[in-house]
Amino acid sequence: MTPAINLLLKQKIAHEVLQYEHDANAESFGLEAAEKLNLAPNLVYKTLVVKLDSQTLCVAILPVEKMLNMKLLAKAAGAKKAQMADKAEVERVTGYVLGGVSPLGQKKRLKTMIDDSANELATIYVSAGKRGLEIGLSPNALTKALSARFAPLCQ
């Protein structure tokens, strides 16, 4: 069990856990998950941690095949600028290693934005907090679990 799965169990949120054999040489963890689980890439969402100009961290959840638009994220988070957070800081604050950062069960709850494309889907898949482990759940359930907001985040 990971902190992400434990959080969903504690909050009694319906979900499914999917597992696959992670390849350490994979170039994109999210695309690897989609391929190995036989899921359409638009259903698999990656978790990115960014630093806002206020020096606070924020989580962006978006489809693995898309690129994060920093200006859109900054605007959604009420900031002027955003940039990718430092790897060591991400791991320290979330408690997860890169490639396995789950938006759920992080050490410190961060402001979280989910790309509004998730609104069109019944189920999305996010990292369960370990490479090779994904959680499937409804976008609304994810929003509720994280006190997140939907916003346009992609280029």
C-alpha atoms as a PDB file:
ATOM      1  CA  MET A   1       0.000   0.000   0.000  1.00  0.00           C
ATOM      2  CA  THR A   2       1.122   3.509  -0.761  1.00  0.00           C
ATOM      3  CA  PRO A   3       0.023   6.718   0.990  1.00  0.00           C
ATOM      4  CA  ALA A   4      -2.084   7.486  -2.109  1.00  0.00           C
ATOM      5  CA  ILE A   5      -4.022   4.223  -1.886  1.00  0.00           C
ATOM      6  CA  ASN A   6      -4.366   4.557   1.883  1.00  0.00           C
ATOM      7  CA  LEU A   7      -5.870   8.039   1.474  1.00  0.00           C
ATOM      8  CA  LEU A   8      -8.500   6.758  -0.964  1.00  0.00           C
ATOM      9  CA  LEU A   9      -9.362   3.864   1.342  1.00  0.00           C
ATOM     10  CA  LYS A  10      -9.614   6.204   4.340  1.00  0.00           C
ATOM     11  CA  GLN A  11     -11.891   8.600   2.433  1.00  0.00           C
ATOM     12  CA  LYS A  12     -13.897   5.655   1.029  1.00  0.00           C
ATOM     13  CA  ILE A  13     -13.374   6.851  -2.551  1.00  0.00           C
ATOM     14  CA  ALA A  14     -14.084   4.302  -5.286  1.00  0.00           C
ATOM     15  CA  HIS A  15     -10.951   3.468  -7.266  1.00  0.00           C
ATOM     16  CA  GLU A  16      -9.033   0.673  -8.944  1.00  0.00           C
ATOM     17  CA  VAL A  17      -5.326  -0.065  -8.682  1.00  0.00           C
ATOM     18  CA  LEU A  18      -3.465  -1.247 -11.772  1.00  0.00           C
ATOM     19  CA  GLN A  19       0.062  -2.634 -11.771  1.00  0.00           C
ATOM     20  CA  TYR A  20       2.635  -3.168 -14.515  1.00  0.00           C
ATOM     21  CA  GLU A  21       6.303  -4.070 -14.772  1.00  0.00           C
ATOM     22  CA  HIS A  22       8.172  -0.747 -14.846  1.00  0.00           C
ATOM     23  CA  ASP A  23      11.128  -0.467 -17.250  1.00  0.00           C
ATOM     24  CA  ALA A  24      13.907   1.636 -15.675  1.00  0.00           C
ATOM     25  CA  ASN A  25      14.945   2.743 -19.189  1.00  0.00           C
ATOM     26  CA  ALA A  26      11.524   4.161 -20.101  1.00  0.00           C
ATOM     27  CA  GLU A  27      11.776   7.721 -21.403  1.00  0.00           C
ATOM     28  CA  SER A  28       8.278   8.746 -20.297  1.00  0.00           C
ATOM     29  CA  PHE A  29       6.809   7.137 -17.195  1.00  0.00           C
ATOM     30  CA  GLY A  30       3.278   8.228 -18.101  1.00  0.00           C
ATOM     31  CA  LEU A  31       3.389   6.970 -21.682  1.00  0.00           C
ATOM     32  CA  GLU A  32       4.934   3.733 -20.418  1.00  0.00           C
ATOM     33  CA  ALA A  33       1.984   3.291 -18.042  1.00  0.00           C
ATOM     34  CA  ALA A  34      -0.525   3.912 -20.835  1.00  0.00           C
ATOM     35  CA  GLU A  35       1.205   1.442 -23.153  1.00  0.00           C
ATOM     36  CA  LYS A  36       1.738  -1.339 -20.620  1.00  0.00           C
ATOM     37  CA  LEU A  37      -1.790  -1.040 -19.188  1.00  0.00           C
ATOM     38  CA  ASN A  38      -3.296  -0.822 -22.683  1.00  0.00           C
ATOM     39  CA  LEU A  39      -4.909   2.543 -21.907  1.00  0.00           C
ATOM     40  CA  ALA A  40      -5.411   5.466 -24.265  1.00  0.00           C
ATOM     41  CA  PRO A  41      -2.783   8.131 -23.418  1.00  0.00           C
ATOM     42  CA  ASN A  42      -5.507  10.766 -22.923  1.00  0.00           C
ATOM     43  CA  LEU A  43      -6.765   8.750 -19.913  1.00  0.00           C
ATOM     44  CA  VAL A  44      -3.413   8.664 -18.117  1.00  0.00           C
ATOM     45  CA  TYR A  45      -2.529  11.848 -16.242  1.00  0.00           C
ATOM     46  CA  LYS A  46       0.882  12.942 -14.981  1.00  0.00           C
ATOM     47  CA  THR A  47       1.576  14.817 -11.783  1.00  0.00           C
ATOM     48  CA  LEU A  48       3.921  17.786 -12.087  1.00  0.00           C
ATOM     49  CA  VAL A  49       5.056  19.980  -9.219  1.00  0.00           C
ATOM     50  CA  VAL A  50       5.824  23.606 -10.004  1.00  0.00           C
ATOM     51  CA  LYS A  51       7.080  26.555  -8.014  1.00  0.00           C
ATOM     52  CA  LEU A  52       5.052  29.727  -8.240  1.00  0.00           C
ATOM     53  CA  ASP A  53       6.558  33.228  -8.079  1.00  0.00           C
ATOM     54  CA  SER A  54       5.326  33.355  -4.467  1.00  0.00           C
ATOM     55  CA  GLN A  55       7.839  30.529  -3.795  1.00  0.00           C
ATOM     56  CA  THR A  56       5.005  28.138  -2.963  1.00  0.00           C
ATOM     57  CA  LEU A  57       4.618  24.786  -4.679  1.00  0.00           C
ATOM     58  CA  CYS A  58       1.603  23.784  -6.737  1.00  0.00           C
ATOM     59  CA  VAL A  59       0.572  20.507  -8.363  1.00  0.00           C
ATOM     60  CA  ALA A  60      -0.575  20.272 -11.988  1.00  0.00           C
ATOM     61  CA  ILE A  61      -2.341  17.121 -13.179  1.00  0.00           C
ATOM     62  CA  LEU A  62      -2.584  16.772 -16.958  1.00  0.00           C
ATOM     63  CA  PRO A  63      -2.670  14.140 -19.723  1.00  0.00           C
ATOM     64  CA  VAL A  64       0.698  12.430 -20.236  1.00  0.00           C
ATOM     65  CA  GLU A  65       0.791  13.311 -23.944  1.00  0.00           C
ATOM     66  CA  LYS A  66       0.298  17.038 -23.315  1.00  0.00           C
ATOM     67  CA  MET A  67       2.684  19.796 -22.286  1.00  0.00           C
ATOM     68  CA  LEU A  68       2.038  22.049 -19.308  1.00  0.00           C
ATOM     69  CA  ASN A  69       1.540  25.715 -20.161  1.00  0.00           C
ATOM     70  CA  MET A  70       3.221  27.583 -17.290  1.00  0.00           C
ATOM     71  CA  LYS A  71       1.307  30.804 -17.964  1.00  0.00           C
ATOM     72  CA  LEU A  72      -2.050  29.030 -17.792  1.00  0.00           C
ATOM     73  CA  LEU A  73      -1.059  27.227 -14.595  1.00  0.00           C
ATOM     74  CA  ALA A  74       0.221  30.428 -12.973  1.00  0.00           C
ATOM     75  CA  LYS A  75      -3.023  32.212 -13.845  1.00  0.00           C
ATOM     76  CA  ALA A  76      -5.144  29.344 -12.476  1.00  0.00           C
ATOM     77  CA  ALA A  77      -3.091  29.329  -9.264  1.00  0.00           C
ATOM     78  CA  GLY A  78      -3.351  33.102  -8.814  1.00  0.00           C
ATOM     79  CA  ALA A  79       0.313  33.769  -9.592  1.00  0.00           C
ATOM     80  CA  LYS A  80       2.179  35.671 -12.282  1.00  0.00           C
ATOM     81  CA  LYS A  81       4.857  33.070 -13.070  1.00  0.00           C
ATOM     82  CA  ALA A  82       5.571  29.389 -12.561  1.00  0.00           C
ATOM     83  CA  GLN A  83       8.484  27.084 -13.235  1.00  0.00           C
ATOM     84  CA  MET A  84       9.220  23.416 -12.676  1.00  0.00           C
ATOM     85  CA  ALA A  85      10.177  22.743  -9.059  1.00  0.00           C
ATOM     86  CA  ASP A  86      13.572  21.333  -8.111  1.00  0.00           C
ATOM     87  CA  LYS A  87      13.695  17.511  -8.039  1.00  0.00           C
ATOM     88  CA  ALA A  88      15.025  17.325  -4.460  1.00  0.00           C
ATOM     89  CA  GLU A  89      12.351  19.727  -3.210  1.00  0.00           C
ATOM     90  CA  VAL A  90       9.610  17.764  -4.988  1.00  0.00           C
ATOM     91  CA  GLU A  91      10.748  14.498  -3.406  1.00  0.00           C
ATOM     92  CA  ARG A  92      11.114  16.086   0.044  1.00  0.00           C
ATOM     93  CA  VAL A  93       7.698  17.798   0.030  1.00  0.00           C
ATOM     94  CA  THR A  94       5.670  15.023  -1.637  1.00  0.00           C
ATOM     95  CA  GLY A  95       7.421  11.985  -0.143  1.00  0.00           C
ATOM     96  CA  TYR A  96       7.530  10.391  -3.596  1.00  0.00           C
ATOM     97  CA  VAL A  97      10.342   9.852  -6.130  1.00  0.00           C
ATOM     98  CA  LEU A  98      10.092  11.430  -9.581  1.00  0.00           C
ATOM     99  CA  GLY A  99       8.264   9.158 -11.968  1.00  0.00           C
ATOM    100  CA  GLY A 100       6.132   7.948  -9.083  1.00  0.00           C
ATOM    101  CA  VAL A 101       4.762  11.222  -7.705  1.00  0.00           C
ATOM    102  CA  SER A 102       1.103  10.757  -6.926  1.00  0.00           C
ATOM    103  CA  PRO A 103      -1.175  13.748  -6.444  1.00  0.00           C
ATOM    104  CA  LEU A 104      -2.690  11.771  -3.548  1.00  0.00           C
ATOM    105  CA  GLY A 105      -1.179  11.153  -0.121  1.00  0.00           C
ATOM    106  CA  GLN A 106       1.624  13.687  -0.363  1.00  0.00           C
ATOM    107  CA  LYS A 107       3.451  14.621   2.855  1.00  0.00           C
ATOM    108  CA  LYS A 108       2.213  18.193   2.504  1.00  0.00           C
ATOM    109  CA  ARG A 109      -1.038  19.024   0.740  1.00  0.00           C
ATOM    110  CA  LEU A 110      -0.315  21.456  -2.066  1.00  0.00           C
ATOM    111  CA  LYS A 111      -2.639  23.635  -4.111  1.00  0.00           C
ATOM    112  CA  THR A 112      -3.705  21.370  -6.973  1.00  0.00           C
ATOM    113  CA  MET A 113      -5.030  22.065 -10.465  1.00  0.00           C
ATOM    114  CA  ILE A 114      -6.403  19.408 -12.811  1.00  0.00           C
ATOM    115  CA  ASP A 115      -6.530  20.054 -16.551  1.00  0.00           C
ATOM    116  CA  ASP A 116     -10.122  20.656 -17.545  1.00  0.00           C
ATOM    117  CA  SER A 117      -9.898  17.933 -20.220  1.00  0.00           C
ATOM    118  CA  ALA A 118     -10.525  15.484 -17.346  1.00  0.00           C
ATOM    119  CA  ASN A 119     -14.106  16.772 -17.136  1.00  0.00           C
ATOM    120  CA  GLU A 120     -14.908  14.902 -20.350  1.00  0.00           C
ATOM    121  CA  LEU A 121     -13.829  11.517 -18.934  1.00  0.00           C
ATOM    122  CA  ALA A 122     -15.504   8.998 -16.649  1.00  0.00           C
ATOM    123  CA  THR A 123     -12.171   7.671 -15.337  1.00  0.00           C
ATOM    124  CA  ILE A 124      -8.622   8.977 -15.320  1.00  0.00           C
ATOM    125  CA  TYR A 125      -5.462   7.224 -14.172  1.00  0.00           C
ATOM    126  CA  VAL A 126      -2.828   8.839 -11.959  1.00  0.00           C
ATOM    127  CA  SER A 127       0.259   7.519 -10.250  1.00  0.00           C
ATOM    128  CA  ALA A 128      -0.405   5.486  -7.124  1.00  0.00           C
ATOM    129  CA  GLY A 129       2.879   6.707  -5.639  1.00  0.00           C
ATOM    130  CA  LYS A 130       5.227   4.107  -7.045  1.00  0.00           C
ATOM    131  CA  ARG A 131       6.605   3.473 -10.524  1.00  0.00           C
ATOM    132  CA  GLY A 132       4.561   0.657 -12.043  1.00  0.00           C
ATOM    133  CA  LEU A 133       1.401   1.417 -10.061  1.00  0.00           C
ATOM    134  CA  GLU A 134      -1.576   3.491 -11.246  1.00  0.00           C
ATOM    135  CA  ILE A 135      -4.921   4.432  -9.700  1.00  0.00           C
ATOM    136  CA  GLY A 136      -8.082   4.754 -11.777  1.00  0.00           C
ATOM    137  CA  LEU A 137     -10.828   6.999 -10.409  1.00  0.00           C
ATOM    138  CA  SER A 138     -13.353   9.571 -11.509  1.00  0.00           C
ATOM    139  CA  PRO A 139     -12.043  13.112 -12.026  1.00  0.00           C
ATOM    140  CA  ASN A 140     -14.647  14.413  -9.569  1.00  0.00           C
ATOM    141  CA  ALA A 141     -13.494  11.937  -6.911  1.00  0.00           C
ATOM    142  CA  LEU A 142      -9.904  13.088  -7.447  1.00  0.00           C
ATOM    143  CA  THR A 143     -10.979  16.711  -7.146  1.00  0.00           C
ATOM    144  CA  LYS A 144     -12.821  15.971  -3.922  1.00  0.00           C
ATOM    145  CA  ALA A 145      -9.915  14.013  -2.406  1.00  0.00           C
ATOM    146  CA  LEU A 146      -7.467  16.841  -3.149  1.00  0.00           C
ATOM    147  CA  SER A 147      -9.691  19.918  -2.812  1.00  0.00           C
ATOM    148  CA  ALA A 148      -8.448  20.578  -6.340  1.00  0.00           C
ATOM    149  CA  ARG A 149      -9.813  22.787  -9.090  1.00  0.00           C
ATOM    150  CA  PHE A 150     -10.258  22.224 -12.812  1.00  0.00           C
ATOM    151  CA  ALA A 151      -8.537  24.717 -15.120  1.00  0.00           C
ATOM    152  CA  PRO A 152      -7.076  24.807 -18.637  1.00  0.00           C
ATOM    153  CA  LEU A 153      -3.404  23.848 -18.194  1.00  0.00           C
ATOM    154  CA  CYS A 154      -2.193  22.526 -21.546  1.00  0.00           C
ATOM    155  CA  GLN A 155      -0.615  24.161 -24.560  1.00  0.00           C
END
